[in-house]
C-alpha atoms as a PDB file:
ATOM      1  CA  LEU A   1      -1.569  -2.469  46.026  1.00  0.00           C
ATOM      2  CA  ARG A   2       1.727  -2.560  47.868  1.00  0.00           C
ATOM      3  CA  GLY A   3       3.412  -4.430  45.044  1.00  0.00           C
ATOM      4  CA  ALA A   4       1.938  -2.100  42.431  1.00  0.00           C
ATOM      5  CA  GLY A   5       3.076   0.917  44.437  1.00  0.00           C
ATOM      6  CA  ARG A   6       6.588  -0.443  44.619  1.00  0.00           C
ATOM      7  CA  ARG A   7       6.721  -1.087  40.886  1.00  0.00           C
ATOM      8  CA  ALA A   8       5.318   2.373  40.184  1.00  0.00           C
ATOM      9  CA  LEU A   9       8.449   3.866  41.697  1.00  0.00           C
ATOM     10  CA  GLY A  10      10.494   2.224  38.959  1.00  0.00           C
ATOM     11  CA  ARG A  11      12.217  -0.272  41.223  1.00  0.00           C
ATOM     12  CA  ALA A  12      11.384  -2.527  44.098  1.00  0.00           C
ATOM     13  CA  MET A  13      11.454  -0.830  47.472  1.00  0.00           C
ATOM     14  CA  PRO A  14      13.802  -2.380  50.004  1.00  0.00           C
ATOM     15  CA  CYS A  15      12.208  -4.636  52.544  1.00  0.00           C
ATOM     16  CA  LEU A  16      13.448  -5.835  55.879  1.00  0.00           C
ATOM     17  CA  ARG A  17      13.363  -9.545  56.624  1.00  0.00           C
ATOM     18  CA  LEU A  18      14.254 -10.999  59.981  1.00  0.00           C
ATOM     19  CA  LEU A  19      15.271 -14.636  60.071  1.00  0.00           C
ATOM     20  CA  PHE A  20      15.906 -16.405  63.349  1.00  0.00           C
ATOM     21  CA  PHE A  21      17.357 -19.875  63.768  1.00  0.00           C
ATOM     22  CA  ASP A  22      19.758 -21.649  66.052  1.00  0.00           C
ATOM     23  CA  GLY A  23      23.122 -22.264  64.412  1.00  0.00           C
ATOM     24  CA  GLU A  24      23.915 -25.168  66.720  1.00  0.00           C
ATOM     25  CA  GLU A  25      21.394 -27.573  65.306  1.00  0.00           C
ATOM     26  CA  ALA A  26      23.241 -30.876  65.127  1.00  0.00           C
ATOM     27  CA  PHE A  27      21.249 -34.086  65.025  1.00  0.00           C
ATOM     28  CA  VAL A  28      23.948 -36.202  66.673  1.00  0.00           C
ATOM     29  CA  GLN A  29      27.056 -34.190  67.539  1.00  0.00           C
ATOM     30  CA  TRP A  30      28.090 -30.716  66.404  1.00  0.00           C
ATOM     31  CA  THR A  31      30.653 -31.068  63.618  1.00  0.00           C
ATOM     32  CA  ASP A  32      31.280 -29.347  60.290  1.00  0.00           C
ATOM     33  CA  SER A  33      29.043 -31.912  58.599  1.00  0.00           C
ATOM     34  CA  ASP A  34      26.341 -32.184  61.323  1.00  0.00           C
ATOM     35  CA  SER A  35      25.354 -28.568  61.901  1.00  0.00           C
ATOM     36  CA  THR A  36      23.874 -25.447  60.311  1.00  0.00           C
ATOM     37  CA  TYR A  37      21.112 -27.279  58.445  1.00  0.00           C
ATOM     38  CA  GLY A  38      18.784 -24.278  58.572  1.00  0.00           C
ATOM     39  CA  ALA A  39      21.457 -21.842  57.417  1.00  0.00           C
ATOM     40  CA  ARG A  40      22.512 -24.094  54.545  1.00  0.00           C
ATOM     41  CA  ARG A  41      18.905 -24.636  53.459  1.00  0.00           C
ATOM     42  CA  VAL A  42      18.200 -20.899  53.415  1.00  0.00           C
ATOM     43  CA  ALA A  43      21.405 -20.238  51.449  1.00  0.00           C
ATOM     44  CA  GLU A  44      20.452 -22.914  48.899  1.00  0.00           C
ATOM     45  CA  ARG A  45      16.903 -21.613  48.472  1.00  0.00           C
ATOM     46  CA  TRP A  46      17.971 -17.971  48.212  1.00  0.00           C
ATOM     47  CA  SER A  47      20.648 -18.897  45.627  1.00  0.00           C
ATOM     48  CA  ASP A  48      18.097 -20.531  43.324  1.00  0.00           C
ATOM     49  CA  PRO A  49      16.015 -18.549  40.804  1.00  0.00           C
ATOM     50  CA  PRO A  50      12.425 -17.948  41.935  1.00  0.00           C
ATOM     51  CA  PRO A  51       9.770 -20.486  40.877  1.00  0.00           C
ATOM     52  CA  GLY A  52       9.033 -20.121  37.188  1.00  0.00           C
ATOM     53  CA  GLY A  53      12.447 -18.576  36.586  1.00  0.00           C
ATOM     54  CA  ALA A  54      11.122 -14.997  36.710  1.00  0.00           C
ATOM     55  CA  GLY A  55      13.622 -12.650  38.310  1.00  0.00           C
ATOM     56  CA  ALA A  56      16.988 -12.938  39.969  1.00  0.00           C
ATOM     57  CA  PRO A  57      17.820 -15.230  42.879  1.00  0.00           C
ATOM     58  CA  ARG A  58      16.995 -13.578  46.199  1.00  0.00           C
ATOM     59  CA  LEU A  59      20.670 -13.364  47.251  1.00  0.00           C
ATOM     60  CA  ARG A  60      21.464 -11.254  44.171  1.00  0.00           C
ATOM     61  CA  THR A  61      18.738  -8.733  45.048  1.00  0.00           C
ATOM     62  CA  MET A  62      19.900  -8.102  48.619  1.00  0.00           C
ATOM     63  CA  ARG A  63      21.719  -4.928  49.554  1.00  0.00           C
ATOM     64  CA  ALA A  64      22.938  -6.362  52.834  1.00  0.00           C
ATOM     65  CA  LEU A  65      22.720  -9.510  54.881  1.00  0.00           C
ATOM     66  CA  VAL A  66      23.563  -8.951  58.529  1.00  0.00           C
ATOM     67  CA  LEU A  67      24.474 -11.941  60.671  1.00  0.00           C
ATOM     68  CA  LEU A  68      24.107 -11.307  64.384  1.00  0.00           C
ATOM     69  CA  ASP A  69      25.580 -14.116  66.433  1.00  0.00           C
ATOM     70  CA  LEU A  70      26.731 -14.537  70.025  1.00  0.00           C
ATOM     71  CA  LEU A  71      25.019 -11.371  71.251  1.00  0.00           C
ATOM     72  CA  GLY A  72      23.992 -12.730  74.648  1.00  0.00           C
ATOM     73  CA  GLY A  73      26.650 -10.847  76.602  1.00  0.00           C
ATOM     74  CA  ALA A  74      25.982  -7.767  78.700  1.00  0.00           C
ATOM     75  CA  ARG A  75      27.756  -5.273  76.412  1.00  0.00           C
ATOM     76  CA  PRO A  76      28.410  -6.805  72.992  1.00  0.00           C
ATOM     77  CA  SER A  77      30.775  -4.934  70.713  1.00  0.00           C
ATOM     78  CA  LEU A  78      29.933  -4.945  67.015  1.00  0.00           C
ATOM     79  CA  THR A  79      32.478  -4.114  64.337  1.00  0.00           C
ATOM     80  CA  TRP A  80      32.496  -4.018  60.567  1.00  0.00           C
ATOM     81  CA  HIS A  81      35.188  -5.751  58.565  1.00  0.00           C
ATOM     82  CA  PHE A  82      34.823  -4.612  54.955  1.00  0.00           C
ATOM     83  CA  GLU A  83      35.022  -1.056  53.642  1.00  0.00           C
ATOM     84  CA  ASN A  84      32.177  -1.648  51.185  1.00  0.00           C
ATOM     85  CA  THR A  85      29.817  -2.305  54.130  1.00  0.00           C
ATOM     86  CA  ARG A  86      30.811   0.727  56.170  1.00  0.00           C
ATOM     87  CA  GLY A  87      27.669   2.683  55.178  1.00  0.00           C
ATOM     88  CA  VAL A  88      25.369  -0.164  56.211  1.00  0.00           C
ATOM     89  CA  PHE A  89      27.152  -0.468  59.549  1.00  0.00           C
ATOM     90  CA  GLU A  90      26.952   3.281  60.196  1.00  0.00           C
ATOM     91  CA  ARG A  91      23.210   3.314  59.390  1.00  0.00           C
ATOM     92  CA  MET A  92      22.710   0.456  61.842  1.00  0.00           C
ATOM     93  CA  GLN A  93      24.629   2.383  64.510  1.00  0.00           C
ATOM     94  CA  ASP A  94      22.533   5.487  63.860  1.00  0.00           C
ATOM     95  CA  THR A  95      19.317   3.466  64.096  1.00  0.00           C
ATOM     96  CA  GLU A  96      20.458   1.946  67.402  1.00  0.00           C
ATOM     97  CA  ARG A  97      21.248   5.412  68.800  1.00  0.00           C
ATOM     98  CA  ARG A  98      17.834   6.761  67.783  1.00  0.00           C
ATOM     99  CA  LEU A  99      15.997   3.747  69.216  1.00  0.00           C
ATOM    100  CA  SER A 100      17.947   3.991  72.480  1.00  0.00           C
ATOM    101  CA  ALA A 101      17.240   7.717  72.968  1.00  0.00           C
END
């Protein structure tokens, strides 16, 4: 029923996916060619059309992909770098404020 409910609204509802993996995943020694296997595999799979060719590749249907890296410090500072993502960043800040209250 969830899928039918989403389609009934005329478009797919956004969904949140959390993906966790270690970026330093070298088999021998961390280099440009011996690292990020998980990240590259996800990027490849999400760039391909879905099985059966029905629909757009997952990357084309995303509104935002947020990479959070090196957040182990006591007071990390997050910034946005592109004007077209300002709204996403501000919504994330607002969510953090509400969750921290």
